[in-house]
Amino acid sequence: MASKALNFKLEENIIMDMKQVATVFNKTMTDVIKEAVTEYLDKMKQDPFYRLTIHVQDASEEESEEILSEIETLSDDDLTITTVRRFDI
């Protein structure tokens, strides 16, 4: 997959921590950032809010408003996984 350059600002203490981690694990700063962003995105994609709203962009404006207003009414209990079933096929 093609890579693109990004410019962004981080606090100096975060940059120093990244440099230290990169040095200890013999990685580049780019590798550290890629791994951190990938791990964060994987985590966020598992979030119930994300999973419930990912397809809102495919909905009409009215549908989007309805979906989002319903989601906002959900409590933490509503979003708690109570049963897990695994199906091996």
PDB file of N, CA and C in Angstrom:
ATOM      1  N   MET A   1       0.853  -1.174   0.000  1.00  0.00           N
ATOM      2  CA  MET A   1       0.000   0.000   0.000  1.00  0.00           C
ATOM      3  C   MET A   1       0.900   1.237   0.000  1.00  0.00           C
ATOM      4  N   ALA A   2       0.498   2.231  -0.752  1.00  0.00           N
ATOM      5  CA  ALA A   2       1.282   3.462  -0.847  1.00  0.00           C
ATOM      6  C   ALA A   2       1.257   4.236   0.461  1.00  0.00           C
ATOM      7  N   SER A   3       2.364   4.857   0.771  1.00  0.00           N
ATOM      8  CA  SER A   3       2.455   5.674   1.986  1.00  0.00           C
ATOM      9  C   SER A   3       2.382   7.143   1.614  1.00  0.00           C
ATOM     10  N   LYS A   4       1.869   7.942   2.523  1.00  0.00           N
ATOM     11  CA  LYS A   4       1.795   9.385   2.343  1.00  0.00           C
ATOM     12  C   LYS A   4       2.427  10.046   3.545  1.00  0.00           C
ATOM     13  N   ALA A   5       3.040  11.179   3.320  1.00  0.00           N
ATOM     14  CA  ALA A   5       3.668  11.933   4.404  1.00  0.00           C
ATOM     15  C   ALA A   5       2.621  12.782   5.112  1.00  0.00           C
ATOM     16  N   LEU A   6       2.754  12.891   6.431  1.00  0.00           N
ATOM     17  CA  LEU A   6       1.880  13.734   7.243  1.00  0.00           C
ATOM     18  C   LEU A   6       2.739  14.657   8.099  1.00  0.00           C
ATOM     19  N   ASN A   7       2.228  15.818   8.375  1.00  0.00           N
ATOM     20  CA  ASN A   7       2.865  16.727   9.322  1.00  0.00           C
ATOM     21  C   ASN A   7       1.915  16.943  10.476  1.00  0.00           C
ATOM     22  N   PHE A   8       2.410  16.786  11.700  1.00  0.00           N
ATOM     23  CA  PHE A   8       1.595  17.054  12.873  1.00  0.00           C
ATOM     24  C   PHE A   8       2.506  17.401  14.032  1.00  0.00           C
ATOM     25  N   LYS A   9       1.919  17.984  15.055  1.00  0.00           N
ATOM     26  CA  LYS A   9       2.678  18.412  16.218  1.00  0.00           C
ATOM     27  C   LYS A   9       2.336  17.533  17.404  1.00  0.00           C
ATOM     28  N   LEU A  10       3.371  17.232  18.200  1.00  0.00           N
ATOM     29  CA  LEU A  10       3.202  16.488  19.441  1.00  0.00           C
ATOM     30  C   LEU A  10       3.978  17.193  20.539  1.00  0.00           C
ATOM     31  N   GLU A  11       3.545  16.976  21.760  1.00  0.00           N
ATOM     32  CA  GLU A  11       4.267  17.553  22.884  1.00  0.00           C
ATOM     33  C   GLU A  11       5.667  16.954  22.930  1.00  0.00           C
ATOM     34  N   GLU A  12       6.606  17.743  23.396  1.00  0.00           N
ATOM     35  CA  GLU A  12       8.009  17.328  23.411  1.00  0.00           C
ATOM     36  C   GLU A  12       8.224  16.056  24.234  1.00  0.00           C
ATOM     37  N   ASN A  13       7.502  15.911  25.355  1.00  0.00           N
ATOM     38  CA  ASN A  13       7.688  14.717  26.183  1.00  0.00           C
ATOM     39  C   ASN A  13       7.254  13.447  25.443  1.00  0.00           C
ATOM     40  N   ILE A  14       6.239  13.546  24.610  1.00  0.00           N
ATOM     41  CA  ILE A  14       5.799  12.388  23.820  1.00  0.00           C
ATOM     42  C   ILE A  14       6.866  12.038  22.788  1.00  0.00           C
ATOM     43  N   ILE A  15       7.429  13.048  22.157  1.00  0.00           N
ATOM     44  CA  ILE A  15       8.479  12.816  21.165  1.00  0.00           C
ATOM     45  C   ILE A  15       9.694  12.156  21.815  1.00  0.00           C
ATOM     46  N   MET A  16      10.054  12.615  22.991  1.00  0.00           N
ATOM     47  CA  MET A  16      11.193  12.028  23.698  1.00  0.00           C
ATOM     48  C   MET A  16      10.904  10.563  24.055  1.00  0.00           C
ATOM     49  N   ASP A  17       9.696  10.283  24.508  1.00  0.00           N
ATOM     50  CA  ASP A  17       9.315   8.900  24.815  1.00  0.00           C
ATOM     51  C   ASP A  17       9.373   8.028  23.562  1.00  0.00           C
ATOM     52  N   MET A  18       8.888   8.549  22.443  1.00  0.00           N
ATOM     53  CA  MET A  18       8.914   7.790  21.194  1.00  0.00           C
ATOM     54  C   MET A  18      10.351   7.499  20.774  1.00  0.00           C
ATOM     55  N   LYS A  19      11.217   8.489  20.888  1.00  0.00           N
ATOM     56  CA  LYS A  19      12.626   8.290  20.534  1.00  0.00           C
ATOM     57  C   LYS A  19      13.258   7.221  21.401  1.00  0.00           C
ATOM     58  N   GLN A  20      12.946   7.255  22.686  1.00  0.00           N
ATOM     59  CA  GLN A  20      13.505   6.268  23.611  1.00  0.00           C
ATOM     60  C   GLN A  20      13.014   4.854  23.266  1.00  0.00           C
ATOM     61  N   VAL A  21      11.737   4.722  23.016  1.00  0.00           N
ATOM     62  CA  VAL A  21      11.174   3.420  22.640  1.00  0.00           C
ATOM     63  C   VAL A  21      11.799   2.941  21.332  1.00  0.00           C
ATOM     64  N   ALA A  22      11.902   3.825  20.357  1.00  0.00           N
ATOM     65  CA  ALA A  22      12.490   3.463  19.065  1.00  0.00           C
ATOM     66  C   ALA A  22      13.931   2.984  19.245  1.00  0.00           C
ATOM     67  N   THR A  23      14.684   3.663  20.073  1.00  0.00           N
ATOM     68  CA  THR A  23      16.079   3.277  20.316  1.00  0.00           C
ATOM     69  C   THR A  23      16.164   1.919  20.994  1.00  0.00           C
ATOM     70  N   VAL A  24      15.373   1.734  22.059  1.00  0.00           N
ATOM     71  CA  VAL A  24      15.415   0.479  22.814  1.00  0.00           C
ATOM     72  C   VAL A  24      15.047  -0.711  21.922  1.00  0.00           C
ATOM     73  N   PHE A  25      14.049  -0.547  21.075  1.00  0.00           N
ATOM     74  CA  PHE A  25      13.580  -1.650  20.245  1.00  0.00           C
ATOM     75  C   PHE A  25      14.177  -1.642  18.837  1.00  0.00           C
ATOM     76  N   ASN A  26      15.180  -0.771  18.623  1.00  0.00           N
ATOM     77  CA  ASN A  26      15.879  -0.686  17.344  1.00  0.00           C
ATOM     78  C   ASN A  26      14.901  -0.502  16.179  1.00  0.00           C
ATOM     79  N   LYS A  27      14.020   0.461  16.345  1.00  0.00           N
ATOM     80  CA  LYS A  27      13.021   0.786  15.329  1.00  0.00           C
ATOM     81  C   LYS A  27      13.187   2.249  14.923  1.00  0.00           C
ATOM     82  N   THR A  28      12.569   2.594  13.822  1.00  0.00           N
ATOM     83  CA  THR A  28      12.540   3.994  13.427  1.00  0.00           C
ATOM     84  C   THR A  28      11.364   4.675  14.114  1.00  0.00           C
ATOM     85  N   MET A  29      11.423   5.987  14.161  1.00  0.00           N
ATOM     86  CA  MET A  29      10.286   6.736  14.714  1.00  0.00           C
ATOM     87  C   MET A  29       9.030   6.456  13.883  1.00  0.00           C
ATOM     88  N   THR A  30       9.203   6.333  12.580  1.00  0.00           N
ATOM     89  CA  THR A  30       8.065   6.035  11.708  1.00  0.00           C
ATOM     90  C   THR A  30       7.435   4.698  12.081  1.00  0.00           C
ATOM     91  N   ASP A  31       8.270   3.689  12.342  1.00  0.00           N
ATOM     92  CA  ASP A  31       7.737   2.387  12.747  1.00  0.00           C
ATOM     93  C   ASP A  31       6.954   2.486  14.048  1.00  0.00           C
ATOM     94  N   VAL A  32       7.494   3.219  15.020  1.00  0.00           N
ATOM     95  CA  VAL A  32       6.816   3.381  16.310  1.00  0.00           C
ATOM     96  C   VAL A  32       5.459   4.050  16.111  1.00  0.00           C
ATOM     97  N   ILE A  33       5.428   5.096  15.310  1.00  0.00           N
ATOM     98  CA  ILE A  33       4.175   5.828  15.069  1.00  0.00           C
ATOM     99  C   ILE A  33       3.175   4.940  14.321  1.00  0.00           C
ATOM    100  N   LYS A  34       3.628   4.249  13.281  1.00  0.00           N
ATOM    101  CA  LYS A  34       2.735   3.362  12.521  1.00  0.00           C
ATOM    102  C   LYS A  34       2.119   2.295  13.431  1.00  0.00           C
ATOM    103  N   GLU A  35       2.954   1.663  14.257  1.00  0.00           N
ATOM    104  CA  GLU A  35       2.455   0.614  15.140  1.00  0.00           C
ATOM    105  C   GLU A  35       1.465   1.172  16.158  1.00  0.00           C
ATOM    106  N   ALA A  36       1.780   2.342  16.704  1.00  0.00           N
ATOM    107  CA  ALA A  36       0.895   2.946  17.701  1.00  0.00           C
ATOM    108  C   ALA A  36      -0.450   3.336  17.077  1.00  0.00           C
ATOM    109  N   VAL A  37      -0.414   3.942  15.914  1.00  0.00           N
ATOM    110  CA  VAL A  37      -1.654   4.363  15.252  1.00  0.00           C
ATOM    111  C   VAL A  37      -2.473   3.146  14.847  1.00  0.00           C
ATOM    112  N   THR A  38      -1.820   2.124  14.318  1.00  0.00           N
ATOM    113  CA  THR A  38      -2.527   0.901  13.927  1.00  0.00           C
ATOM    114  C   THR A  38      -3.202   0.258  15.128  1.00  0.00           C
ATOM    115  N   GLU A  39      -2.477   0.154  16.243  1.00  0.00           N
ATOM    116  CA  GLU A  39      -3.048  -0.438  17.454  1.00  0.00           C
ATOM    117  C   GLU A  39      -4.228   0.390  17.962  1.00  0.00           C
ATOM    118  N   TYR A  40      -4.096   1.711  17.935  1.00  0.00           N
ATOM    119  CA  TYR A  40      -5.182   2.586  18.387  1.00  0.00           C
ATOM    120  C   TYR A  40      -6.409   2.433  17.489  1.00  0.00           C
ATOM    121  N   LEU A  41      -6.201   2.432  16.185  1.00  0.00           N
ATOM    122  CA  LEU A  41      -7.336   2.307  15.266  1.00  0.00           C
ATOM    123  C   LEU A  41      -8.031   0.960  15.421  1.00  0.00           C
ATOM    124  N   ASP A  42      -7.258  -0.110  15.592  1.00  0.00           N
ATOM    125  CA  ASP A  42      -7.860  -1.429  15.822  1.00  0.00           C
ATOM    126  C   ASP A  42      -8.726  -1.404  17.075  1.00  0.00           C
ATOM    127  N   LYS A  43      -8.215  -0.773  18.131  1.00  0.00           N
ATOM    128  CA  LYS A  43      -8.970  -0.669  19.385  1.00  0.00           C
ATOM    129  C   LYS A  43     -10.253   0.140  19.177  1.00  0.00           C
ATOM    130  N   MET A  44     -10.138   1.281  18.522  1.00  0.00           N
ATOM    131  CA  MET A  44     -11.297   2.148  18.325  1.00  0.00           C
ATOM    132  C   MET A  44     -12.357   1.493  17.433  1.00  0.00           C
ATOM    133  N   LYS A  45     -11.923   0.693  16.473  1.00  0.00           N
ATOM    134  CA  LYS A  45     -12.871   0.021  15.586  1.00  0.00           C
ATOM    135  C   LYS A  45     -13.690  -1.032  16.319  1.00  0.00           C
ATOM    136  N   GLN A  46     -13.236  -1.466  17.491  1.00  0.00           N
ATOM    137  CA  GLN A  46     -13.989  -2.417  18.301  1.00  0.00           C
ATOM    138  C   GLN A  46     -14.987  -1.718  19.220  1.00  0.00           C
ATOM    139  N   ASP A  47     -14.874  -0.405  19.346  1.00  0.00           N
ATOM    140  CA  ASP A  47     -15.760   0.363  20.215  1.00  0.00           C
ATOM    141  C   ASP A  47     -17.201   0.244  19.717  1.00  0.00           C
ATOM    142  N   PRO A  48     -18.145  -0.006  20.612  1.00  0.00           N
ATOM    143  CA  PRO A  48     -19.547  -0.150  20.181  1.00  0.00           C
ATOM    144  C   PRO A  48     -20.078   1.067  19.425  1.00  0.00           C
ATOM    145  N   PHE A  49     -19.711   2.267  19.841  1.00  0.00           N
ATOM    146  CA  PHE A  49     -20.201   3.466  19.141  1.00  0.00           C
ATOM    147  C   PHE A  49     -19.728   3.464  17.699  1.00  0.00           C
ATOM    148  N   TYR A  50     -18.466   3.159  17.484  1.00  0.00           N
ATOM    149  CA  TYR A  50     -17.935   3.101  16.119  1.00  0.00           C
ATOM    150  C   TYR A  50     -18.677   2.037  15.308  1.00  0.00           C
ATOM    151  N   ARG A  51     -18.815   0.868  15.910  1.00  0.00           N
ATOM    152  CA  ARG A  51     -19.451  -0.235  15.197  1.00  0.00           C
ATOM    153  C   ARG A  51     -20.905   0.073  14.867  1.00  0.00           C
ATOM    154  N   LEU A  52     -21.574   0.843  15.716  1.00  0.00           N
ATOM    155  CA  LEU A  52     -22.970   1.195  15.450  1.00  0.00           C
ATOM    156  C   LEU A  52     -23.104   2.326  14.436  1.00  0.00           C
ATOM    157  N   THR A  53     -22.088   3.165  14.317  1.00  0.00           N
ATOM    158  CA  THR A  53     -22.213   4.340  13.449  1.00  0.00           C
ATOM    159  C   THR A  53     -21.410   4.256  12.162  1.00  0.00           C
ATOM    160  N   ILE A  54     -20.633   3.209  11.959  1.00  0.00           N
ATOM    161  CA  ILE A  54     -19.773   3.122  10.786  1.00  0.00           C
ATOM    162  C   ILE A  54     -20.539   3.276   9.476  1.00  0.00           C
ATOM    163  N   HIS A  55     -21.759   2.819   9.435  1.00  0.00           N
ATOM    164  CA  HIS A  55     -22.519   2.888   8.186  1.00  0.00           C
ATOM    165  C   HIS A  55     -23.456   4.084   8.122  1.00  0.00           C
ATOM    166  N   VAL A  56     -23.356   4.969   9.081  1.00  0.00           N
ATOM    167  CA  VAL A  56     -24.207   6.163   9.057  1.00  0.00           C
ATOM    168  C   VAL A  56     -23.940   6.979   7.801  1.00  0.00           C
ATOM    169  N   GLN A  57     -22.697   6.974   7.321  1.00  0.00           N
ATOM    170  CA  GLN A  57     -22.377   7.747   6.123  1.00  0.00           C
ATOM    171  C   GLN A  57     -23.158   7.265   4.900  1.00  0.00           C
ATOM    172  N   ASP A  58     -23.625   6.026   4.924  1.00  0.00           N
ATOM    173  CA  ASP A  58     -24.408   5.497   3.815  1.00  0.00           C
ATOM    174  C   ASP A  58     -25.892   5.842   3.928  1.00  0.00           C
ATOM    175  N   ALA A  59     -26.293   6.389   5.072  1.00  0.00           N
ATOM    176  CA  ALA A  59     -27.700   6.705   5.319  1.00  0.00           C
ATOM    177  C   ALA A  59     -28.016   8.129   4.857  1.00  0.00           C
ATOM    178  N   SER A  60     -29.302   8.389   4.686  1.00  0.00           N
ATOM    179  CA  SER A  60     -29.727   9.743   4.363  1.00  0.00           C
ATOM    180  C   SER A  60     -29.519  10.625   5.592  1.00  0.00           C
ATOM    181  N   GLU A  61     -29.638  11.918   5.440  1.00  0.00           N
ATOM    182  CA  GLU A  61     -29.466  12.842   6.570  1.00  0.00           C
ATOM    183  C   GLU A  61     -30.478  12.547   7.679  1.00  0.00           C
ATOM    184  N   GLU A  62     -31.720  12.281   7.297  1.00  0.00           N
ATOM    185  CA  GLU A  62     -32.746  11.968   8.287  1.00  0.00           C
ATOM    186  C   GLU A  62     -32.437  10.657   9.014  1.00  0.00           C
ATOM    187  N   GLU A  63     -32.027   9.652   8.249  1.00  0.00           N
ATOM    188  CA  GLU A  63     -31.670   8.365   8.864  1.00  0.00           C
ATOM    189  C   GLU A  63     -30.474   8.516   9.803  1.00  0.00           C
ATOM    190  N   SER A  64     -29.495   9.293   9.378  1.00  0.00           N
ATOM    191  CA  SER A  64     -28.315   9.521  10.205  1.00  0.00           C
ATOM    192  C   SER A  64     -28.688  10.175  11.527  1.00  0.00           C
ATOM    193  N   GLU A  65     -29.528  11.197  11.455  1.00  0.00           N
ATOM    194  CA  GLU A  65     -29.964  11.881  12.675  1.00  0.00           C
ATOM    195  C   GLU A  65     -30.714  10.924  13.593  1.00  0.00           C
ATOM    196  N   GLU A  66     -31.574  10.095  13.024  1.00  0.00           N
ATOM    197  CA  GLU A  66     -32.334   9.139  13.823  1.00  0.00           C
ATOM    198  C   GLU A  66     -31.408   8.114  14.481  1.00  0.00           C
ATOM    199  N   ILE A  67     -30.471   7.573  13.721  1.00  0.00           N
ATOM    200  CA  ILE A  67     -29.530   6.583  14.255  1.00  0.00           C
ATOM    201  C   ILE A  67     -28.706   7.190  15.380  1.00  0.00           C
ATOM    202  N   LEU A  68     -28.148   8.369  15.148  1.00  0.00           N
ATOM    203  CA  LEU A  68     -27.294   8.995  16.158  1.00  0.00           C
ATOM    204  C   LEU A  68     -28.068   9.387  17.407  1.00  0.00           C
ATOM    205  N   SER A  69     -29.301   9.848  17.237  1.00  0.00           N
ATOM    206  CA  SER A  69     -30.087  10.209  18.420  1.00  0.00           C
ATOM    207  C   SER A  69     -30.426   8.969  19.242  1.00  0.00           C
ATOM    208  N   GLU A  70     -30.680   7.843  18.595  1.00  0.00           N
ATOM    209  CA  GLU A  70     -30.946   6.601  19.317  1.00  0.00           C
ATOM    210  C   GLU A  70     -29.694   6.111  20.037  1.00  0.00           C
ATOM    211  N   ILE A  71     -28.566   6.205  19.389  1.00  0.00           N
ATOM    212  CA  ILE A  71     -27.309   5.764  20.006  1.00  0.00           C
ATOM    213  C   ILE A  71     -26.986   6.597  21.237  1.00  0.00           C
ATOM    214  N   GLU A  72     -27.248   7.888  21.172  1.00  0.00           N
ATOM    215  CA  GLU A  72     -26.952   8.768  22.303  1.00  0.00           C
ATOM    216  C   GLU A  72     -27.759   8.400  23.542  1.00  0.00           C
ATOM    217  N   THR A  73     -28.877   7.714  23.367  1.00  0.00           N
ATOM    218  CA  THR A  73     -29.704   7.343  24.519  1.00  0.00           C
ATOM    219  C   THR A  73     -29.239   6.045  25.182  1.00  0.00           C
ATOM    220  N   LEU A  74     -28.314   5.333  24.546  1.00  0.00           N
ATOM    221  CA  LEU A  74     -27.845   4.064  25.103  1.00  0.00           C
ATOM    222  C   LEU A  74     -26.953   4.300  26.312  1.00  0.00           C
ATOM    223  N   SER A  75     -27.132   3.469  27.315  1.00  0.00           N
ATOM    224  CA  SER A  75     -26.296   3.553  28.513  1.00  0.00           C
ATOM    225  C   SER A  75     -25.110   2.611  28.373  1.00  0.00           C
ATOM    226  N   ASP A  76     -24.170   2.698  29.308  1.00  0.00           N
ATOM    227  CA  ASP A  76     -23.047   1.763  29.314  1.00  0.00           C
ATOM    228  C   ASP A  76     -23.537   0.334  29.453  1.00  0.00           C
ATOM    229  N   ASP A  77     -24.609   0.141  30.240  1.00  0.00           N
ATOM    230  CA  ASP A  77     -25.179  -1.201  30.395  1.00  0.00           C
ATOM    231  C   ASP A  77     -25.713  -1.732  29.064  1.00  0.00           C
ATOM    232  N   ASP A  78     -26.306  -0.837  28.274  1.00  0.00           N
ATOM    233  CA  ASP A  78     -26.821  -1.247  26.969  1.00  0.00           C
ATOM    234  C   ASP A  78     -25.695  -1.741  26.058  1.00  0.00           C
ATOM    235  N   LEU A  79     -24.514  -1.178  26.244  1.00  0.00           N
ATOM    236  CA  LEU A  79     -23.390  -1.496  25.370  1.00  0.00           C
ATOM    237  C   LEU A  79     -22.472  -2.576  25.936  1.00  0.00           C
ATOM    238  N   THR A  80     -22.833  -3.121  27.091  1.00  0.00           N
ATOM    239  CA  THR A  80     -22.025  -4.164  27.709  1.00  0.00           C
ATOM    240  C   THR A  80     -22.327  -5.510  27.069  1.00  0.00           C
ATOM    241  N   ILE A  81     -21.264  -6.223  26.717  1.00  0.00           N
ATOM    242  CA  ILE A  81     -21.420  -7.552  26.132  1.00  0.00           C
ATOM    243  C   ILE A  81     -21.746  -8.515  27.264  1.00  0.00           C
ATOM    244  N   THR A  82     -22.858  -9.200  27.147  1.00  0.00           N
ATOM    245  CA  THR A  82     -23.289 -10.102  28.221  1.00  0.00           C
ATOM    246  C   THR A  82     -23.066 -11.564  27.875  1.00  0.00           C
ATOM    247  N   THR A  83     -23.038 -11.881  26.594  1.00  0.00           N
ATOM    248  CA  THR A  83     -22.850 -13.256  26.172  1.00  0.00           C
ATOM    249  C   THR A  83     -21.949 -13.281  24.950  1.00  0.00           C
ATOM    250  N   VAL A  84     -21.025 -14.216  24.956  1.00  0.00           N
ATOM    251  CA  VAL A  84     -20.161 -14.390  23.794  1.00  0.00           C
ATOM    252  C   VAL A  84     -20.316 -15.827  23.329  1.00  0.00           C
ATOM    253  N   ARG A  85     -20.571 -15.985  22.057  1.00  0.00           N
ATOM    254  CA  ARG A  85     -20.687 -17.317  21.479  1.00  0.00           C
ATOM    255  C   ARG A  85     -19.708 -17.420  20.332  1.00  0.00           C
ATOM    256  N   ARG A  86     -19.042 -18.526  20.260  1.00  0.00           N
ATOM    257  CA  ARG A  86     -18.087 -18.751  19.185  1.00  0.00           C
ATOM    258  C   ARG A  86     -18.584 -19.894  18.329  1.00  0.00           C
ATOM    259  N   PHE A  87     -18.620 -19.650  17.052  1.00  0.00           N
ATOM    260  CA  PHE A  87     -19.052 -20.666  16.112  1.00  0.00           C
ATOM    261  C   PHE A  87     -17.879 -21.017  15.208  1.00  0.00           C
ATOM    262  N   ASP A  88     -17.430 -22.234  15.300  1.00  0.00           N
ATOM    263  CA  ASP A  88     -16.364 -22.704  14.433  1.00  0.00           C
ATOM    264  C   ASP A  88     -16.985 -23.361  13.219  1.00  0.00           C
ATOM    265  N   ILE A  89     -16.605 -22.873  12.095  1.00  0.00           N
ATOM    266  CA  ILE A  89     -17.185 -23.405  10.848  1.00  0.00           C
ATOM    267  C   ILE A  89     -16.134 -24.212  10.112  1.00  0.00           C
TER     268      ILE A  89
END
